[in-house]
Amino acid sequence: MLRFIRPADARSEAVSAQPPRTELSTAARAFRAFHGLVAVAFLLAIGYVWWCALTGRRDRWLRVAVAALATEGAFVVANHGDCPLGPLQERLHDPVPLFELALSPTAARRAVPALGVVTAAGLALLLRRGLSVGTG
């Protein structure tokens, strides 16, 4: 026998399946904002490396971007592929990893390795095209 679920029943089941929401502390909210700004800065650095690799531009901002990305890469490797700020976030009792605020859990787990590959490809193209090209 078929049983039909009324929409109200479906909503109540979906709501009850979600974990209870807890309020974040002021420190956790501030750290989440800081972590978000750091992530945006690294995304901009990756974009700038690619821009410079494709256009031939070379300037001090490129050196800053490369140094920041190399440092971040070393910390990620030392942290076994995870974001080095994750443990600080956990200490502040923030249960949601930064990338899971915008991506599914599966996509969030793949974000750091995928961004590492994109960064490495941009750096490789930058090296292949030469470091002493004009400043554009």
Protein backbone atom coordinates (compact mmCIF):
# COMPACT_ATOMS: atom_id res chain seq x y z
CA MET A 1 0.00 0.00 0.00
CA LEU A 2 1.32 3.44 -0.92
CA ARG A 3 1.59 6.04 1.77
CA PHE A 4 1.67 9.69 0.85
CA ILE A 5 3.48 12.17 3.05
CA ARG A 6 1.88 15.53 3.41
CA PRO A 7 4.25 18.46 2.75
CA ALA A 8 4.00 19.59 6.38
CA ASP A 9 5.19 16.16 7.53
CA ALA A 10 8.11 16.24 5.10
CA ARG A 11 9.20 19.64 6.40
CA SER A 12 9.08 18.59 10.03
CA GLU A 13 11.14 15.47 9.27
CA ALA A 14 13.75 17.54 7.40
CA VAL A 15 13.98 20.07 10.21
CA SER A 16 14.40 17.40 12.87
CA ALA A 17 17.25 15.79 10.88
CA GLN A 18 19.35 18.97 11.12
CA PRO A 19 21.74 19.35 14.04
CA PRO A 20 20.71 21.92 16.64
CA ARG A 21 22.05 25.40 16.01
CA THR A 22 24.29 26.92 18.60
CA GLU A 23 25.18 30.56 18.92
CA LEU A 24 28.77 31.39 18.10
CA SER A 25 30.78 33.41 20.57
CA THR A 26 31.93 36.88 19.62
CA ALA A 27 35.48 35.53 19.27
CA ALA A 28 34.30 32.74 16.95
CA ARG A 29 32.34 35.18 14.78
CA ALA A 30 35.34 37.54 14.61
CA PHE A 31 37.65 34.66 13.75
CA ARG A 32 35.23 33.44 11.06
CA ALA A 33 35.27 36.93 9.51
CA PHE A 34 39.08 37.07 9.70
CA HIS A 35 39.36 33.56 8.21
CA GLY A 36 37.04 34.62 5.38
CA LEU A 37 39.20 37.66 4.62
CA VAL A 38 42.32 35.47 4.58
CA ALA A 39 40.61 33.08 2.15
CA VAL A 40 39.59 35.97 -0.13
CA ALA A 41 43.15 37.34 -0.03
CA PHE A 42 44.54 33.96 -1.11
CA LEU A 43 41.95 33.65 -3.88
CA LEU A 44 42.98 37.11 -5.10
CA ALA A 45 46.64 36.06 -4.93
CA ILE A 46 45.89 32.98 -7.04
CA GLY A 47 44.04 35.14 -9.56
CA TYR A 48 46.89 37.64 -9.65
CA VAL A 49 49.47 34.91 -10.26
CA TRP A 50 47.39 33.67 -13.19
CA TRP A 51 46.90 37.23 -14.50
CA CYS A 52 50.65 37.83 -14.40
CA ALA A 53 51.42 34.45 -15.92
CA LEU A 54 49.08 35.13 -18.85
CA THR A 55 49.94 38.80 -19.43
CA GLY A 56 53.67 38.76 -18.68
CA ARG A 57 53.30 41.35 -15.93
CA ARG A 58 55.99 41.21 -13.23
CA ASP A 59 55.95 43.51 -10.21
CA ARG A 60 56.36 43.53 -6.44
CA TRP A 61 52.72 42.48 -5.92
CA LEU A 62 53.46 39.33 -7.86
CA ARG A 63 56.38 38.61 -5.53
CA VAL A 64 54.09 39.21 -2.52
CA ALA A 65 51.43 36.89 -3.98
CA VAL A 66 53.95 34.13 -4.77
CA ALA A 67 55.54 34.39 -1.31
CA ALA A 68 52.13 34.29 0.41
CA LEU A 69 50.98 31.30 -1.64
CA ALA A 70 54.24 29.43 -1.10
CA THR A 71 54.01 30.05 2.65
CA GLU A 72 50.37 28.95 2.74
CA GLY A 73 51.24 25.86 0.71
CA ALA A 74 53.99 24.92 3.17
CA PHE A 75 51.58 25.30 6.11
CA VAL A 76 48.91 23.22 4.35
CA VAL A 77 51.43 20.46 3.63
CA ALA A 78 52.65 20.56 7.24
CA ASN A 79 49.00 20.29 8.34
CA HIS A 80 48.46 17.15 6.20
CA GLY A 81 46.40 18.92 3.54
CA ASP A 82 44.07 20.83 5.85
CA CYS A 83 43.77 24.54 6.38
CA PRO A 84 46.15 25.58 9.16
CA LEU A 85 43.50 27.84 10.70
CA GLY A 86 41.08 24.92 11.22
CA PRO A 87 42.42 23.94 14.67
CA LEU A 88 42.12 27.54 15.87
CA GLN A 89 38.54 27.59 14.64
CA GLU A 90 37.82 24.37 16.55
CA ARG A 91 39.27 25.87 19.75
CA LEU A 92 36.73 28.66 19.42
CA HIS A 93 33.94 26.04 19.16
CA ASP A 94 32.98 26.92 15.59
CA PRO A 95 31.71 23.58 14.25
CA VAL A 96 31.41 24.57 10.56
CA PRO A 97 34.60 24.66 8.45
CA LEU A 98 34.93 27.86 6.45
CA PHE A 99 34.39 26.36 2.99
CA GLU A 100 31.28 24.52 4.23
CA LEU A 101 29.63 27.90 4.72
CA ALA A 102 29.51 28.25 0.93
CA LEU A 103 30.00 24.69 -0.41
CA SER A 104 28.66 21.23 0.25
CA PRO A 105 30.76 19.14 2.67
CA THR A 106 32.17 17.08 -0.22
CA ALA A 107 33.09 20.15 -2.28
CA ALA A 108 34.52 21.83 0.83
CA ARG A 109 36.85 18.87 1.47
CA ARG A 110 38.04 19.06 -2.13
CA ALA A 111 38.48 22.84 -2.18
CA VAL A 112 41.96 23.06 -0.62
CA PRO A 113 43.52 20.34 -2.85
CA ALA A 114 41.78 21.77 -5.93
CA LEU A 115 43.01 25.29 -5.15
CA GLY A 116 46.48 23.84 -4.61
CA VAL A 117 46.44 22.35 -8.10
CA VAL A 118 45.19 25.62 -9.63
CA THR A 119 47.90 27.53 -7.75
CA ALA A 120 50.65 25.10 -8.78
CA ALA A 121 49.54 25.31 -12.42
CA GLY A 122 49.62 29.12 -12.30
CA LEU A 123 53.07 29.12 -10.73
CA ALA A 124 54.32 26.60 -13.28
CA LEU A 125 53.03 28.76 -16.14
CA LEU A 126 54.63 31.79 -14.53
CA LEU A 127 58.01 30.03 -14.38
CA ARG A 128 57.65 28.66 -17.89
CA ARG A 129 57.00 32.11 -19.32
CA GLY A 130 60.02 33.54 -17.52
CA LEU A 131 60.53 35.66 -14.47
CA SER A 132 62.25 38.62 -16.08
CA VAL A 133 59.53 39.70 -18.52
CA GLY A 134 58.68 43.41 -18.49
CA THR A 135 56.51 44.92 -15.76
CA GLY A 136 53.60 45.48 -18.14
